[in-house]
Amino acid sequence: MLFRGSGVAIVTPFNEDGSVNMESFVTLLNFHLSHGTDAIIVTGTTGEASTMTEDEKFAVISKAVEVVNGRIPVIAGTGSNNTAASAAFSKKVAALGVDGLLVVTPYYNKTSKRGLYEHFKCIAEAAAPVPIILYTVPGRTGVEIPVETVSELSKIDNIVGIKDATGSIGYAINVRNNTPDDFAIYSGNDDMIVPLLSVGGAGVISVLANCMPQETHDMIEEFFNGNVQKATNLQLKLNPFIDALFVETNPIPVKAAMNKMGFDVGSLRLPLYEAEDSTKELLRREMMALGIVCS
């Protein structure tokens, strides 16, 4: 298992001119290292990887590996809808010393079950022996990895888990029942962390953890320590803020929240755009209720 607990799907800070703000990125990495985060997931959906160049992604991944320096796992998003390009980039990133790769379902092409299997198999072979976490997020890609395909992929040595952002507990249960016990299932939905843990999940790859890393870690730690009620209470307490973080397309709200907290993460790259005023006000209210900000 690559990690158990809270993996942050970390944002990519940008300067006013749109370039990557590496100084702020290092600040964020150090924030997570000192506040309980169990793994860093870079260049994913929340990191706006789809609007970054390959050179930018490579630089951000390299910096994460350098700064983290083996203290917790660094997992890099290397997936796309171009199998050959994703395999080549995954192989290149694997050589950096990352602990794992997160590979999203190929979007837009809408391939078959066999096509999905061959896509992930090709990338896994290119990156071997670096471990790979599959990422199914049908709300973004229009394609869900069928459970039977996940089951077949779990037989490949370096495919070790899945980020499940289907929003379906039934899907997670079926994956759990059709994969080896050591195949890790991570929640891709912050509002379902404890429910997914209850059916055999290993943790979360989290947007919430950008703002509340210690609390996200603690929720999962309490669950695994047998304090299920404490974990449940934390989930219930945090869910209004979690809902606010997804009132617009991720990562629009989380970047607004982090800027409000004093982290210089900048704006977003088009076609994503700045949060609406109503979103900022909702975030402000929920963050005040949790004591994250004072005004």
Protein backbone atom coordinates (compact mmCIF):
# COMPACT_ATOMS: atom_id res chain seq x y z
CA MET A 1 0.00 0.00 0.00
CA LEU A 2 1.40 3.38 -1.00
CA PHE A 3 -0.12 5.15 1.99
CA ARG A 4 -2.92 4.96 4.52
CA GLY A 5 -4.64 8.15 5.62
CA SER A 6 -4.94 11.60 4.07
CA GLY A 7 -3.29 12.33 0.76
CA VAL A 8 -3.67 15.95 -0.29
CA ALA A 9 -4.53 16.66 -3.91
CA ILE A 10 -2.36 19.74 -3.71
CA VAL A 11 -3.10 22.93 -5.65
CA THR A 12 -0.56 24.48 -7.99
CA PRO A 13 0.06 28.13 -7.06
CA PHE A 14 0.39 30.61 -9.91
CA ASN A 15 1.98 34.05 -10.14
CA GLU A 16 0.10 37.08 -11.47
CA ASP A 17 1.54 36.40 -14.93
CA GLY A 18 0.20 32.84 -14.85
CA SER A 19 3.54 31.12 -14.30
CA VAL A 20 4.00 28.53 -11.56
CA ASN A 21 4.80 30.12 -8.20
CA MET A 22 7.42 27.65 -6.99
CA GLU A 23 8.13 29.59 -3.80
CA SER A 24 4.50 29.32 -2.71
CA PHE A 25 4.46 25.65 -3.73
CA VAL A 26 7.36 24.94 -1.38
CA THR A 27 5.50 26.78 1.39
CA LEU A 28 2.50 24.53 0.83
CA LEU A 29 4.63 21.38 0.90
CA ASN A 30 6.17 22.39 4.21
CA PHE A 31 2.72 23.23 5.60
CA HIS A 32 1.57 19.68 4.84
CA LEU A 33 4.71 18.09 6.18
CA SER A 34 4.09 19.78 9.53
CA HIS A 35 0.32 19.27 9.69
CA GLY A 36 -0.29 15.55 9.45
CA THR A 37 -0.71 14.96 5.72
CA ASP A 38 0.17 11.36 4.87
CA ALA A 39 0.94 11.76 1.15
CA ILE A 40 1.32 14.52 -1.43
CA ILE A 41 -0.49 14.10 -4.75
CA VAL A 42 0.82 16.59 -7.30
CA THR A 43 -0.29 17.51 -10.84
CA GLY A 44 -3.78 16.10 -10.44
CA THR A 45 -7.19 17.63 -11.10
CA THR A 46 -6.87 20.01 -8.15
CA GLY A 47 -3.38 20.92 -9.34
CA GLU A 48 -4.78 22.06 -12.72
CA ALA A 49 -2.54 19.63 -14.56
CA SER A 50 -4.73 19.79 -17.66
CA THR A 51 -3.61 23.40 -18.30
CA MET A 52 0.07 22.87 -17.45
CA THR A 53 2.78 22.05 -19.95
CA GLU A 54 4.76 18.85 -19.58
CA ASP A 55 7.82 20.88 -18.57
CA GLU A 56 5.83 22.68 -15.86
CA LYS A 57 4.46 19.42 -14.50
CA PHE A 58 7.90 17.85 -14.51
CA ALA A 59 9.33 20.84 -12.61
CA VAL A 60 6.56 20.76 -9.98
CA ILE A 61 6.93 17.00 -9.47
CA SER A 62 10.72 17.35 -9.21
CA LYS A 63 10.38 20.08 -6.59
CA ALA A 64 7.94 17.99 -4.55
CA VAL A 65 10.33 15.03 -4.54
CA GLU A 66 13.22 17.30 -3.55
CA VAL A 67 11.41 19.09 -0.71
CA VAL A 68 9.57 16.10 0.74
CA ASN A 69 12.79 14.07 0.59
CA GLY A 70 11.21 10.72 1.42
CA ARG A 71 9.36 11.85 4.55
CA ILE A 72 5.95 10.94 3.09
CA PRO A 73 5.02 9.50 -0.31
CA VAL A 74 4.90 11.79 -3.35
CA ILE A 75 2.45 10.61 -5.98
CA ALA A 76 2.33 12.32 -9.37
CA GLY A 77 -0.64 12.58 -11.72
CA THR A 78 0.54 11.45 -15.15
CA GLY A 79 -2.66 10.35 -16.87
CA SER A 80 -4.30 11.69 -20.01
CA ASN A 81 -6.45 10.45 -22.87
CA ASN A 82 -3.37 9.82 -25.01
CA THR A 83 -2.02 6.41 -24.02
CA ALA A 84 1.36 6.72 -25.71
CA ALA A 85 1.99 10.21 -24.34
CA SER A 86 0.88 9.22 -20.84
CA ALA A 87 3.07 6.10 -20.89
CA ALA A 88 6.10 8.12 -22.00
CA PHE A 89 5.52 10.84 -19.40
CA SER A 90 4.90 8.25 -16.67
CA LYS A 91 8.21 6.57 -17.49
CA LYS A 92 9.99 9.93 -17.38
CA VAL A 93 8.41 10.89 -14.06
CA ALA A 94 9.06 7.44 -12.56
CA ALA A 95 12.78 8.12 -12.97
CA LEU A 96 12.50 11.17 -10.68
CA GLY A 97 12.06 9.01 -7.61
CA VAL A 98 8.34 9.49 -7.03
CA ASP A 99 6.68 6.92 -4.81
CA GLY A 100 3.71 6.38 -7.10
CA LEU A 101 1.64 7.61 -10.02
CA LEU A 102 -2.03 8.56 -10.22
CA VAL A 103 -3.48 7.74 -13.65
CA VAL A 104 -6.90 9.05 -14.60
CA THR A 105 -9.42 7.36 -16.87
CA PRO A 106 -8.87 8.44 -20.48
CA TYR A 107 -11.42 11.17 -21.04
CA TYR A 108 -13.25 12.21 -24.23
CA ASN A 109 -12.27 9.12 -26.25
CA LYS A 110 -14.88 6.99 -24.40
CA THR A 111 -13.13 3.70 -25.05
CA SER A 112 -14.34 0.14 -24.38
CA LYS A 113 -13.62 -2.07 -21.37
CA ARG A 114 -10.81 -3.72 -23.30
CA GLY A 115 -9.48 -0.33 -24.34
CA LEU A 116 -9.43 0.81 -20.71
CA TYR A 117 -7.58 -2.33 -19.67
CA GLU A 118 -4.97 -1.96 -22.41
CA HIS A 119 -4.57 1.77 -21.68
CA PHE A 120 -3.74 1.25 -18.01
CA LYS A 121 -1.67 -1.87 -18.71
CA CYS A 122 0.50 0.04 -21.21
CA ILE A 123 1.14 2.85 -18.71
CA ALA A 124 1.84 0.42 -15.88
CA GLU A 125 4.39 -1.46 -17.98
CA ALA A 126 6.10 1.78 -19.01
CA ALA A 127 6.38 3.00 -15.40
CA ALA A 128 7.20 -0.34 -13.73
CA PRO A 129 8.06 -1.01 -10.99
CA VAL A 130 6.65 2.31 -9.71
CA PRO A 131 3.20 1.71 -8.15
CA ILE A 132 0.12 3.07 -9.89
CA ILE A 133 -3.22 4.20 -8.48
CA LEU A 134 -6.09 4.15 -10.95
CA TYR A 135 -8.39 7.17 -10.90
CA THR A 136 -12.02 6.84 -11.86
CA VAL A 137 -13.93 10.13 -11.94
CA PRO A 138 -16.87 9.76 -14.34
CA GLY A 139 -18.22 13.23 -13.53
CA ARG A 140 -15.09 14.69 -15.15
CA THR A 141 -14.22 12.14 -17.80
CA GLY A 142 -17.57 10.70 -18.89
CA VAL A 143 -16.15 7.20 -18.33
CA GLU A 144 -16.23 4.94 -15.26
CA ILE A 145 -13.80 2.04 -14.92
CA PRO A 146 -16.06 -1.03 -14.67
CA VAL A 147 -15.51 -3.11 -11.55
CA GLU A 148 -14.56 -6.16 -13.62
CA THR A 149 -11.87 -4.09 -15.35
CA VAL A 150 -10.54 -2.87 -12.00
CA SER A 151 -10.45 -6.50 -10.89
CA GLU A 152 -8.39 -7.51 -13.93
CA LEU A 153 -6.07 -4.53 -13.58
CA SER A 154 -5.45 -5.34 -9.92
CA LYS A 155 -3.65 -8.49 -11.07
CA ILE A 156 -0.90 -6.34 -12.64
CA ASP A 157 1.93 -6.16 -10.11
CA ASN A 158 2.37 -2.41 -9.94
CA ILE A 159 -1.31 -1.41 -10.09
CA VAL A 160 -1.92 -1.16 -6.35
CA GLY A 161 -5.07 0.88 -5.79
CA ILE A 162 -7.83 3.15 -7.04
CA LYS A 163 -9.03 6.66 -6.31
CA ASP A 164 -12.79 6.26 -6.35
CA ALA A 165 -14.55 9.51 -7.23
CA THR A 166 -17.75 7.85 -8.43
CA GLY A 167 -19.67 9.00 -5.36
CA SER A 168 -21.12 5.50 -5.06
CA ILE A 169 -20.59 3.36 -1.98
CA GLY A 170 -21.94 0.44 -3.99
CA TYR A 171 -19.09 0.82 -6.46
CA ALA A 172 -16.51 0.83 -3.65
CA ILE A 173 -18.07 -2.27 -2.09
CA ASN A 174 -17.94 -4.12 -5.39
CA VAL A 175 -14.31 -3.11 -5.92
CA ARG A 176 -13.47 -4.30 -2.39
CA ASN A 177 -15.17 -7.63 -3.04
CA ASN A 178 -13.38 -8.17 -6.36
CA THR A 179 -9.79 -7.14 -5.66
CA PRO A 180 -7.04 -8.45 -3.35
CA ASP A 181 -7.09 -7.34 0.28
CA ASP A 182 -3.97 -5.23 -0.24
CA PHE A 183 -5.48 -3.33 -3.17
CA ALA A 184 -6.05 0.15 -1.72
CA ILE A 185 -9.28 2.09 -2.23
CA TYR A 186 -9.04 5.84 -1.65
CA SER A 187 -12.04 8.12 -1.50
CA GLY A 188 -12.07 10.80 -4.16
CA ASN A 189 -14.99 12.52 -2.42
CA ASP A 190 -14.32 14.41 0.81
CA ASP A 191 -17.95 14.13 1.91
CA MET A 192 -17.68 10.31 1.88
CA ILE A 193 -14.39 9.65 3.68
CA VAL A 194 -15.78 7.80 6.71
CA PRO A 195 -18.44 5.91 4.73
CA LEU A 196 -15.75 4.63 2.36
CA LEU A 197 -13.45 3.67 5.23
CA SER A 198 -16.31 1.62 6.66
CA VAL A 199 -16.35 -0.64 3.59
CA GLY A 200 -12.62 -1.23 3.44
CA GLY A 201 -11.14 2.04 2.22
CA ALA A 202 -7.56 3.02 3.02
CA GLY A 203 -8.00 6.80 3.11
CA VAL A 204 -8.66 9.78 0.89
CA ILE A 205 -7.06 11.80 -1.88
CA SER A 206 -8.44 15.08 -0.66
CA VAL A 207 -9.29 18.61 -1.70
CA LEU A 208 -10.32 19.48 1.87
CA ALA A 209 -6.82 18.65 3.12
CA ASN A 210 -5.44 21.69 1.28
CA CYS A 211 -7.13 23.85 3.93
CA MET A 212 -7.49 21.42 6.85
CA PRO A 213 -4.72 18.84 6.61
CA GLN A 214 -4.53 17.93 10.30
CA GLU A 215 -8.28 17.48 10.65
CA THR A 216 -8.46 15.31 7.53
CA HIS A 217 -5.62 13.15 8.82
CA ASP A 218 -7.21 12.96 12.28
CA MET A 219 -10.57 11.83 10.91
CA ILE A 220 -8.98 8.82 9.29
CA GLU A 221 -6.62 8.12 12.17
CA GLU A 222 -9.51 8.10 14.64
CA PHE A 223 -11.38 5.64 12.47
CA PHE A 224 -8.45 3.23 12.25
CA ASN A 225 -7.83 3.58 15.99
CA GLY A 226 -11.35 2.31 16.60
CA ASN A 227 -12.83 5.70 17.49
CA VAL A 228 -15.49 5.49 14.80
CA GLN A 229 -17.83 7.94 16.49
CA LYS A 230 -15.09 10.58 16.72
CA ALA A 231 -14.33 10.07 13.03
CA THR A 232 -18.02 10.31 12.18
CA ASN A 233 -18.41 13.49 14.21
CA LEU A 234 -15.49 15.06 12.35
CA GLN A 235 -17.01 14.08 8.99
CA LEU A 236 -20.34 15.64 9.96
CA LYS A 237 -18.68 18.77 11.31
CA LEU A 238 -16.62 19.34 8.17
CA ASN A 239 -19.25 18.47 5.56
CA PRO A 240 -20.78 21.98 5.28
CA PHE A 241 -17.33 23.36 4.43
CA ILE A 242 -16.72 20.42 2.09
CA ASP A 243 -19.98 21.24 0.30
CA ALA A 244 -18.82 24.86 -0.07
CA LEU A 245 -15.53 23.66 -1.61
CA PHE A 246 -17.52 22.05 -4.42
CA VAL A 247 -20.21 24.67 -5.04
CA GLU A 248 -18.23 25.55 -8.16
CA THR A 249 -15.89 23.37 -10.18
CA ASN A 250 -12.83 22.23 -8.23
CA PRO A 251 -10.31 23.85 -7.70
CA ILE A 252 -12.07 27.22 -8.03
CA PRO A 253 -13.41 27.34 -4.45
CA VAL A 254 -10.39 25.76 -2.75
CA LYS A 255 -8.04 28.31 -4.29
CA ALA A 256 -10.32 31.10 -3.08
CA ALA A 257 -10.34 29.56 0.40
CA MET A 258 -6.56 29.20 0.51
CA ASN A 259 -6.01 32.78 -0.60
CA LYS A 260 -8.40 33.81 2.19
CA MET A 261 -6.23 31.83 4.63
CA GLY A 262 -3.17 33.81 3.56
CA PHE A 263 -1.59 31.29 1.23
CA ASP A 264 -0.48 32.94 -1.98
CA VAL A 265 -1.87 30.40 -4.47
CA GLY A 266 -2.97 33.00 -7.00
CA SER A 267 -5.70 32.60 -9.56
CA LEU A 268 -6.63 29.84 -11.99
CA ARG A 269 -5.79 29.16 -15.58
CA LEU A 270 -8.50 29.49 -18.19
CA PRO A 271 -10.95 28.00 -18.87
CA LEU A 272 -11.34 27.96 -15.06
CA TYR A 273 -12.06 31.39 -13.65
CA GLU A 274 -12.17 33.20 -10.31
CA ALA A 275 -14.85 32.19 -7.80
CA GLU A 276 -18.14 34.09 -7.78
CA ASP A 277 -18.68 36.58 -4.96
CA SER A 278 -21.44 34.35 -3.59
CA THR A 279 -18.99 31.45 -3.42
CA LYS A 280 -16.43 33.56 -1.57
CA GLU A 281 -19.06 34.65 0.94
CA LEU A 282 -20.21 31.06 1.49
CA LEU A 283 -16.62 29.97 2.03
CA ARG A 284 -16.02 32.85 4.44
CA ARG A 285 -19.04 31.86 6.57
CA GLU A 286 -18.10 28.19 6.72
CA MET A 287 -14.45 28.96 7.43
CA MET A 288 -15.39 31.32 10.25
CA ALA A 289 -17.63 28.61 11.72
CA LEU A 290 -14.64 26.27 11.78
CA GLY A 291 -12.23 28.92 13.07
CA ILE A 292 -10.04 28.81 9.96
CA VAL A 293 -10.38 32.55 9.42
CA CYS A 294 -11.54 35.37 11.67
CA SER A 295 -13.39 37.56 9.18
